[in-house]
PDB file of N, CA and C in Angstrom:
ATOM      1  N   UNK A   1       0.576  -1.142   0.141  1.00  0.00           N
ATOM      2  CA  UNK A   1       0.125  -0.057   0.049  1.00  0.00           C
ATOM      3  C   UNK A   1       0.511   1.527  -0.180  1.00  0.00           C
ATOM      4  N   UNK A   2       0.854   2.270  -0.829  1.00  0.00           N
ATOM      5  CA  UNK A   2       1.443   3.370  -1.033  1.00  0.00           C
ATOM      6  C   UNK A   2       1.261   4.203   0.140  1.00  0.00           C
ATOM      7  N   UNK A   3       2.308   5.062   0.399  1.00  0.00           N
ATOM      8  CA  UNK A   3       1.919   6.140   1.586  1.00  0.00           C
ATOM      9  C   UNK A   3       1.236   7.014   1.111  1.00  0.00           C
ATOM     10  N   UNK A   4       0.634   7.793   2.052  1.00  0.00           N
ATOM     11  CA  UNK A   4      -0.222   8.961   1.541  1.00  0.00           C
ATOM     12  C   UNK A   4       0.377   9.749   0.768  1.00  0.00           C
ATOM     13  N   UNK A   5       1.316  10.606   1.023  1.00  0.00           N
ATOM     14  CA  UNK A   5       2.386  10.970  -0.160  1.00  0.00           C
ATOM     15  C   UNK A   5       2.313  10.319  -1.584  1.00  0.00           C
ATOM     16  N   UNK A   6       2.468   9.438  -1.092  1.00  0.00           N
ATOM     17  CA  UNK A   6       2.871   9.034  -3.132  1.00  0.00           C
ATOM     18  C   UNK A   6       1.626   8.819  -3.305  1.00  0.00           C
ATOM     19  N   UNK A   7       0.693   8.572  -2.552  1.00  0.00           N
ATOM     20  CA  UNK A   7      -0.418   8.246  -3.019  1.00  0.00           C
ATOM     21  C   UNK A   7      -0.995   9.096  -4.034  1.00  0.00           C
ATOM     22  N   UNK A   8      -0.726  10.417  -3.398  1.00  0.00           N
ATOM     23  CA  UNK A   8      -1.348  11.654  -4.060  1.00  0.00           C
ATOM     24  C   UNK A   8      -0.666  12.297  -5.432  1.00  0.00           C
ATOM     25  N   UNK A   9       0.521  11.852  -5.590  1.00  0.00           N
ATOM     26  CA  UNK A   9       1.053  11.650  -6.850  1.00  0.00           C
ATOM     27  C   UNK A   9       0.774  10.885  -7.938  1.00  0.00           C
ATOM     28  N   UNK A  10      -0.108   9.793  -7.760  1.00  0.00           N
ATOM     29  CA  UNK A  10      -0.539   9.240  -8.608  1.00  0.00           C
ATOM     30  C   UNK A  10      -1.478   9.600  -9.777  1.00  0.00           C
ATOM     31  N   UNK A  11      -1.774   8.990 -10.746  1.00  0.00           N
ATOM     32  CA  UNK A  11      -2.951   9.362 -11.638  1.00  0.00           C
ATOM     33  C   UNK A  11      -3.870   8.721 -10.783  1.00  0.00           C
ATOM     34  N   UNK A  12      -5.236   9.549 -11.284  1.00  0.00           N
ATOM     35  CA  UNK A  12      -6.696   9.461 -10.959  1.00  0.00           C
ATOM     36  C   UNK A  12      -7.024   7.793 -11.071  1.00  0.00           C
ATOM     37  N   UNK A  13      -6.768   7.071 -12.131  1.00  0.00           N
ATOM     38  CA  UNK A  13      -6.856   6.000 -12.815  1.00  0.00           C
ATOM     39  C   UNK A  13      -6.446   4.725 -11.471  1.00  0.00           C
ATOM     40  N   UNK A  14      -5.282   4.928 -11.653  1.00  0.00           N
ATOM     41  CA  UNK A  14      -4.248   4.109 -10.410  1.00  0.00           C
ATOM     42  C   UNK A  14      -4.755   4.502  -8.993  1.00  0.00           C
ATOM     43  N   UNK A  15      -4.926   5.727  -8.662  1.00  0.00           N
ATOM     44  CA  UNK A  15      -5.444   6.115  -7.864  1.00  0.00           C
ATOM     45  C   UNK A  15      -7.024   5.254  -7.311  1.00  0.00           C
ATOM     46  N   UNK A  16      -7.778   5.088  -8.143  1.00  0.00           N
ATOM     47  CA  UNK A  16      -9.080   4.601  -8.329  1.00  0.00           C
ATOM     48  C   UNK A  16      -9.052   2.692  -7.953  1.00  0.00           C
ATOM     49  N   UNK A  17      -7.856   2.158  -8.550  1.00  0.00           N
ATOM     50  CA  UNK A  17      -7.781   1.024  -8.676  1.00  0.00           C
ATOM     51  C   UNK A  17      -7.076   0.493  -7.295  1.00  0.00           C
ATOM     52  N   UNK A  18      -6.055   1.484  -6.680  1.00  0.00           N
ATOM     53  CA  UNK A  18      -5.645   0.990  -5.005  1.00  0.00           C
ATOM     54  C   UNK A  18      -7.059   1.173  -4.335  1.00  0.00           C
ATOM     55  N   UNK A  19      -7.937   2.247  -4.780  1.00  0.00           N
ATOM     56  CA  UNK A  19      -9.186   2.224  -3.488  1.00  0.00           C
ATOM     57  C   UNK A  19      -9.735   1.149  -4.159  1.00  0.00           C
ATOM     58  N   UNK A  20      -9.901   0.828  -5.002  1.00  0.00           N
ATOM     59  CA  UNK A  20     -10.753  -0.953  -5.202  1.00  0.00           C
ATOM     60  C   UNK A  20     -10.087  -1.991  -4.348  1.00  0.00           C
ATOM     61  N   UNK A  21      -8.959  -2.320  -4.942  1.00  0.00           N
ATOM     62  CA  UNK A  21      -8.002  -3.165  -3.828  1.00  0.00           C
ATOM     63  C   UNK A  21      -7.857  -2.913  -2.231  1.00  0.00           C
ATOM     64  N   UNK A  22      -7.915  -2.138  -2.068  1.00  0.00           N
ATOM     65  CA  UNK A  22      -8.037  -1.246  -0.302  1.00  0.00           C
ATOM     66  C   UNK A  22      -9.429  -2.163   0.095  1.00  0.00           C
ATOM     67  N   UNK A  23     -10.606  -1.549  -0.747  1.00  0.00           N
ATOM     68  CA  UNK A  23     -11.785  -2.121  -0.489  1.00  0.00           C
ATOM     69  C   UNK A  23     -12.088  -3.658  -0.555  1.00  0.00           C
ATOM     70  N   UNK A  24     -11.498  -4.013  -1.661  1.00  0.00           N
ATOM     71  CA  UNK A  24     -11.432  -5.877  -1.474  1.00  0.00           C
ATOM     72  C   UNK A  24     -10.925  -6.685  -0.573  1.00  0.00           C
ATOM     73  N   UNK A  25      -9.589  -6.289  -0.076  1.00  0.00           N
ATOM     74  CA  UNK A  25      -9.497  -6.431   1.525  1.00  0.00           C
ATOM     75  C   UNK A  25     -10.297  -6.313   2.400  1.00  0.00           C
ATOM     76  N   UNK A  26     -10.993  -5.444   2.668  1.00  0.00           N
ATOM     77  CA  UNK A  26     -11.792  -4.973   3.835  1.00  0.00           C
ATOM     78  C   UNK A  26     -12.931  -5.832   3.697  1.00  0.00           C
ATOM     79  N   UNK A  27     -13.515  -5.911   2.170  1.00  0.00           N
ATOM     80  CA  UNK A  27     -14.699  -6.739   2.282  1.00  0.00           C
ATOM     81  C   UNK A  27     -14.411  -8.268   2.435  1.00  0.00           C
ATOM     82  N   UNK A  28     -13.538  -8.823   1.644  1.00  0.00           N
ATOM     83  CA  UNK A  28     -13.060 -10.148   2.308  1.00  0.00           C
ATOM     84  C   UNK A  28     -12.599 -10.177   3.635  1.00  0.00           C
ATOM     85  N   UNK A  29     -11.884  -9.256   4.477  1.00  0.00           N
ATOM     86  CA  UNK A  29     -11.383  -9.464   5.838  1.00  0.00           C
ATOM     87  C   UNK A  29     -13.100  -9.515   6.676  1.00  0.00           C
ATOM     88  N   UNK A  30     -14.489  -8.765   6.040  1.00  0.00           N
ATOM     89  CA  UNK A  30     -15.755  -9.048   6.663  1.00  0.00           C
ATOM     90  C   UNK A  30     -16.304 -10.227   6.464  1.00  0.00           C
ATOM     91  N   UNK A  31     -15.913 -10.699   5.430  1.00  0.00           N
ATOM     92  CA  UNK A  31     -16.518 -12.467   5.126  1.00  0.00           C
ATOM     93  C   UNK A  31     -15.849 -12.819   6.285  1.00  0.00           C
ATOM     94  N   UNK A  32     -14.975 -13.134   6.244  1.00  0.00           N
ATOM     95  CA  UNK A  32     -13.749 -13.941   7.380  1.00  0.00           C
ATOM     96  C   UNK A  32     -14.578 -13.749   8.949  1.00  0.00           C
ATOM     97  N   UNK A  33     -14.623 -12.233   9.255  1.00  0.00           N
ATOM     98  CA  UNK A  33     -15.483 -11.789  10.339  1.00  0.00           C
ATOM     99  C   UNK A  33     -16.980 -12.484  10.675  1.00  0.00           C
ATOM    100  N   UNK A  34     -17.432 -12.326   9.651  1.00  0.00           N
ATOM    101  CA  UNK A  34     -19.237 -13.170   9.868  1.00  0.00           C
ATOM    102  C   UNK A  34     -19.139 -14.560   9.850  1.00  0.00           C
ATOM    103  N   UNK A  35     -18.154 -15.052   9.112  1.00  0.00           N
ATOM    104  CA  UNK A  35     -18.025 -16.743   9.108  1.00  0.00           C
ATOM    105  C   UNK A  35     -17.685 -16.977  10.319  1.00  0.00           C
ATOM    106  N   UNK A  36     -16.845 -16.473  11.195  1.00  0.00           N
ATOM    107  CA  UNK A  36     -16.372 -16.674  12.353  1.00  0.00           C
ATOM    108  C   UNK A  36     -17.465 -16.894  13.378  1.00  0.00           C
ATOM    109  N   UNK A  37     -18.551 -15.371  13.394  1.00  0.00           N
ATOM    110  CA  UNK A  37     -19.520 -15.500  13.894  1.00  0.00           C
ATOM    111  C   UNK A  37     -20.589 -16.372  13.811  1.00  0.00           C
ATOM    112  N   UNK A  38     -20.481 -16.507  12.999  1.00  0.00           N
ATOM    113  CA  UNK A  38     -21.741 -17.487  12.212  1.00  0.00           C
ATOM    114  C   UNK A  38     -21.280 -18.840  12.734  1.00  0.00           C
ATOM    115  N   UNK A  39     -20.118 -19.392  13.106  1.00  0.00           N
ATOM    116  CA  UNK A  39     -19.799 -20.718  13.502  1.00  0.00           C
ATOM    117  C   UNK A  39     -20.112 -20.382  14.758  1.00  0.00           C
ATOM    118  N   UNK A  40     -20.021 -19.774  15.486  1.00  0.00           N
ATOM    119  CA  UNK A  40     -19.744 -19.651  16.998  1.00  0.00           C
ATOM    120  C   UNK A  40     -21.375 -19.499  17.656  1.00  0.00           C
ATOM    121  N   UNK A  41     -22.050 -18.928  16.562  1.00  0.00           N
ATOM    122  CA  UNK A  41     -23.549 -18.695  17.434  1.00  0.00           C
ATOM    123  C   UNK A  41     -24.382 -19.839  17.183  1.00  0.00           C
ATOM    124  N   UNK A  42     -25.020 -20.039  18.331  1.00  0.00           N
ATOM    125  CA  UNK A  42     -26.369 -21.189  18.277  1.00  0.00           C
ATOM    126  C   UNK A  42     -27.629 -20.632  18.114  1.00  0.00           C
ATOM    127  N   UNK A  43     -27.767 -19.086  18.054  1.00  0.00           N
ATOM    128  CA  UNK A  43     -28.914 -18.913  17.902  1.00  0.00           C
ATOM    129  C   UNK A  43     -29.038 -18.705  16.330  1.00  0.00           C
ATOM    130  N   UNK A  44     -30.411 -19.429  15.899  1.00  0.00           N
ATOM    131  CA  UNK A  44     -30.793 -19.669  14.289  1.00  0.00           C
ATOM    132  C   UNK A  44     -31.209 -18.039  14.133  1.00  0.00           C
ATOM    133  N   UNK A  45     -32.038 -17.314  14.519  1.00  0.00           N
ATOM    134  CA  UNK A  45     -32.010 -16.388  14.165  1.00  0.00           C
ATOM    135  C   UNK A  45     -30.988 -15.325  13.807  1.00  0.00           C
ATOM    136  N   UNK A  46     -30.144 -15.374  14.834  1.00  0.00           N
ATOM    137  CA  UNK A  46     -28.852 -14.383  14.579  1.00  0.00           C
ATOM    138  C   UNK A  46     -27.652 -14.871  13.479  1.00  0.00           C
ATOM    139  N   UNK A  47     -27.798 -16.018  13.355  1.00  0.00           N
ATOM    140  CA  UNK A  47     -27.085 -16.725  12.254  1.00  0.00           C
ATOM    141  C   UNK A  47     -27.256 -16.605  10.949  1.00  0.00           C
ATOM    142  N   UNK A  48     -28.935 -16.311  10.628  1.00  0.00           N
ATOM    143  CA  UNK A  48     -29.304 -16.124   9.352  1.00  0.00           C
ATOM    144  C   UNK A  48     -29.353 -14.580   8.938  1.00  0.00           C
ATOM    145  N   UNK A  49     -28.956 -13.729   9.710  1.00  0.00           N
ATOM    146  CA  UNK A  49     -29.047 -12.678   9.963  1.00  0.00           C
ATOM    147  C   UNK A  49     -27.353 -12.380   9.355  1.00  0.00           C
ATOM    148  N   UNK A  50     -26.555 -12.850  10.416  1.00  0.00           N
ATOM    149  CA  UNK A  50     -25.146 -13.049  10.007  1.00  0.00           C
ATOM    150  C   UNK A  50     -24.941 -13.403   8.700  1.00  0.00           C
ATOM    151  N   UNK A  51     -25.006 -14.629   8.305  1.00  0.00           N
ATOM    152  CA  UNK A  51     -25.278 -14.923   6.781  1.00  0.00           C
ATOM    153  C   UNK A  51     -25.695 -14.254   5.902  1.00  0.00           C
ATOM    154  N   UNK A  52     -26.933 -13.619   5.994  1.00  0.00           N
ATOM    155  CA  UNK A  52     -27.396 -12.496   5.004  1.00  0.00           C
ATOM    156  C   UNK A  52     -26.382 -11.323   5.019  1.00  0.00           C
ATOM    157  N   UNK A  53     -25.865 -11.024   5.995  1.00  0.00           N
ATOM    158  CA  UNK A  53     -24.992  -9.741   5.894  1.00  0.00           C
ATOM    159  C   UNK A  53     -23.674 -10.176   5.466  1.00  0.00           C
ATOM    160  N   UNK A  54     -23.202 -11.724   5.706  1.00  0.00           N
ATOM    161  CA  UNK A  54     -22.313 -11.828   4.705  1.00  0.00           C
ATOM    162  C   UNK A  54     -22.124 -12.206   3.297  1.00  0.00           C
ATOM    163  N   UNK A  55     -22.971 -12.378   3.163  1.00  0.00           N
ATOM    164  CA  UNK A  55     -23.624 -12.750   1.466  1.00  0.00           C
ATOM    165  C   UNK A  55     -23.818 -11.330   0.680  1.00  0.00           C
ATOM    166  N   UNK A  56     -23.886 -10.208   1.569  1.00  0.00           N
ATOM    167  CA  UNK A  56     -23.877  -9.005   0.992  1.00  0.00           C
ATOM    168  C   UNK A  56     -22.572  -8.468   1.404  1.00  0.00           C
ATOM    169  N   UNK A  57     -21.381  -8.984   1.687  1.00  0.00           N
ATOM    170  CA  UNK A  57     -20.249  -8.678   1.651  1.00  0.00           C
ATOM    171  C   UNK A  57     -19.614  -9.335   0.311  1.00  0.00           C
ATOM    172  N   UNK A  58     -19.979 -10.370   0.014  1.00  0.00           N
ATOM    173  CA  UNK A  58     -19.986 -10.982  -1.542  1.00  0.00           C
ATOM    174  C   UNK A  58     -20.210 -10.506  -2.566  1.00  0.00           C
ATOM    175  N   UNK A  59     -21.185 -10.074  -2.251  1.00  0.00           N
ATOM    176  CA  UNK A  59     -21.790  -9.137  -3.184  1.00  0.00           C
ATOM    177  C   UNK A  59     -21.077  -7.931  -3.818  1.00  0.00           C
ATOM    178  N   UNK A  60     -20.588  -7.227  -3.012  1.00  0.00           N
ATOM    179  CA  UNK A  60     -19.730  -6.330  -2.785  1.00  0.00           C
ATOM    180  C   UNK A  60     -18.395  -6.436  -3.613  1.00  0.00           C
ATOM    181  N   UNK A  61     -17.761  -7.617  -3.264  1.00  0.00           N
ATOM    182  CA  UNK A  61     -16.172  -8.411  -3.349  1.00  0.00           C
ATOM    183  C   UNK A  61     -16.560  -8.705  -5.031  1.00  0.00           C
ATOM    184  N   UNK A  62     -17.805  -8.878  -5.532  1.00  0.00           N
ATOM    185  CA  UNK A  62     -18.417  -9.429  -7.164  1.00  0.00           C
ATOM    186  C   UNK A  62     -18.377  -7.883  -7.811  1.00  0.00           C
ATOM    187  N   UNK A  63     -18.955  -7.277  -6.982  1.00  0.00           N
ATOM    188  CA  UNK A  63     -19.295  -5.505  -7.961  1.00  0.00           C
ATOM    189  C   UNK A  63     -17.736  -4.903  -7.656  1.00  0.00           C
ATOM    190  N   UNK A  64     -16.869  -5.626  -6.789  1.00  0.00           N
ATOM    191  CA  UNK A  64     -15.837  -4.250  -7.120  1.00  0.00           C
ATOM    192  C   UNK A  64     -14.497  -5.291  -7.923  1.00  0.00           C
ATOM    193  N   UNK A  65     -14.470  -6.777  -8.032  1.00  0.00           N
ATOM    194  CA  UNK A  65     -13.803  -7.477  -8.758  1.00  0.00           C
ATOM    195  C   UNK A  65     -14.532  -7.259 -10.356  1.00  0.00           C
ATOM    196  N   UNK A  66     -15.602  -6.854 -10.507  1.00  0.00           N
ATOM    197  CA  UNK A  66     -16.119  -6.673 -11.936  1.00  0.00           C
ATOM    198  C   UNK A  66     -15.689  -4.870 -12.216  1.00  0.00           C
ATOM    199  N   UNK A  67     -15.245  -4.178 -11.236  1.00  0.00           N
ATOM    200  CA  UNK A  67     -14.690  -2.701 -11.946  1.00  0.00           C
ATOM    201  C   UNK A  67     -13.762  -2.925 -12.069  1.00  0.00           C
ATOM    202  N   UNK A  68     -12.860  -4.200 -11.098  1.00  0.00           N
ATOM    203  CA  UNK A  68     -11.436  -4.083 -11.445  1.00  0.00           C
ATOM    204  C   UNK A  68     -11.396  -4.546 -12.973  1.00  0.00           C
ATOM    205  N   UNK A  69     -12.101  -5.514 -12.939  1.00  0.00           N
ATOM    206  CA  UNK A  69     -11.962  -6.015 -14.755  1.00  0.00           C
ATOM    207  C   UNK A  69     -11.762  -5.512 -15.607  1.00  0.00           C
ATOM    208  N   UNK A  70     -12.698  -4.203 -15.446  1.00  0.00           N
ATOM    209  CA  UNK A  70     -12.984  -3.304 -16.628  1.00  0.00           C
ATOM    210  C   UNK A  70     -11.669  -2.220 -16.314  1.00  0.00           C
ATOM    211  N   UNK A  71     -11.147  -1.958 -15.544  1.00  0.00           N
ATOM    212  CA  UNK A  71     -10.111  -0.661 -15.569  1.00  0.00           C
ATOM    213  C   UNK A  71      -8.566  -1.473 -15.216  1.00  0.00           C
ATOM    214  N   UNK A  72      -8.651  -3.051 -15.179  1.00  0.00           N
ATOM    215  CA  UNK A  72      -7.097  -3.342 -15.219  1.00  0.00           C
ATOM    216  C   UNK A  72      -7.029  -4.459 -16.280  1.00  0.00           C
ATOM    217  N   UNK A  73      -6.558  -4.198 -17.334  1.00  0.00           N
ATOM    218  CA  UNK A  73      -6.699  -4.965 -18.230  1.00  0.00           C
ATOM    219  C   UNK A  73      -5.407  -6.596 -17.964  1.00  0.00           C
ATOM    220  N   UNK A  74      -4.584  -6.137 -17.062  1.00  0.00           N
ATOM    221  CA  UNK A  74      -3.488  -7.092 -16.844  1.00  0.00           C
ATOM    222  C   UNK A  74      -4.395  -8.174 -15.850  1.00  0.00           C
ATOM    223  N   UNK A  75      -5.395  -7.546 -15.015  1.00  0.00           N
ATOM    224  CA  UNK A  75      -6.057  -8.165 -14.058  1.00  0.00           C
ATOM    225  C   UNK A  75      -6.900  -9.291 -14.805  1.00  0.00           C
ATOM    226  N   UNK A  76      -7.633  -8.192 -15.680  1.00  0.00           N
ATOM    227  CA  UNK A  76      -8.825  -9.031 -16.529  1.00  0.00           C
ATOM    228  C   UNK A  76      -7.769 -10.367 -16.990  1.00  0.00           C
ATOM    229  N   UNK A  77      -7.033 -10.287 -18.085  1.00  0.00           N
ATOM    230  CA  UNK A  77      -6.217 -11.367 -18.393  1.00  0.00           C
ATOM    231  C   UNK A  77      -6.172 -12.336 -17.481  1.00  0.00           C
ATOM    232  N   UNK A  78      -5.739 -12.259 -15.978  1.00  0.00           N
ATOM    233  CA  UNK A  78      -5.517 -12.948 -15.099  1.00  0.00           C
ATOM    234  C   UNK A  78      -6.315 -13.684 -15.198  1.00  0.00           C
ATOM    235  N   UNK A  79      -7.556 -13.289 -14.966  1.00  0.00           N
ATOM    236  CA  UNK A  79      -8.811 -13.984 -14.737  1.00  0.00           C
ATOM    237  C   UNK A  79      -9.127 -14.880 -15.750  1.00  0.00           C
ATOM    238  N   UNK A  80      -8.963 -14.475 -16.666  1.00  0.00           N
ATOM    239  CA  UNK A  80      -9.558 -15.265 -18.340  1.00  0.00           C
ATOM    240  C   UNK A  80      -8.386 -16.159 -18.000  1.00  0.00           C
ATOM    241  N   UNK A  81      -7.288 -16.404 -17.907  1.00  0.00           N
ATOM    242  CA  UNK A  81      -6.125 -17.199 -18.194  1.00  0.00           C
ATOM    243  C   UNK A  81      -6.620 -18.598 -17.031  1.00  0.00           C
ATOM    244  N   UNK A  82      -7.667 -18.362 -15.610  1.00  0.00           N
ATOM    245  CA  UNK A  82      -7.554 -19.099 -14.811  1.00  0.00           C
ATOM    246  C   UNK A  82      -9.269 -19.735 -14.780  1.00  0.00           C
ATOM    247  N   UNK A  83      -9.817 -19.378 -15.975  1.00  0.00           N
ATOM    248  CA  UNK A  83     -11.319 -19.729 -15.695  1.00  0.00           C
ATOM    249  C   UNK A  83     -11.470 -21.042 -16.208  1.00  0.00           C
TER     250      UNK A  83
END
């Protein structure tokens, strides 16, 4: 992750790609946290709520990945190679 001084010198497209990658890390971390909480609770209603919230985070990951694929040709090529 570039430091903030360096970040400010980057072009807008690269800044956006970095923002998306940071957001991806945060969304994936949130998914892990939800999975841990889901595994720990015995309350069925709470489990359903947490699963719903986790699944929304997965949707966010998908949306961010689609944006990244549209704006980073090398990343898109890597996904195509491994489909």
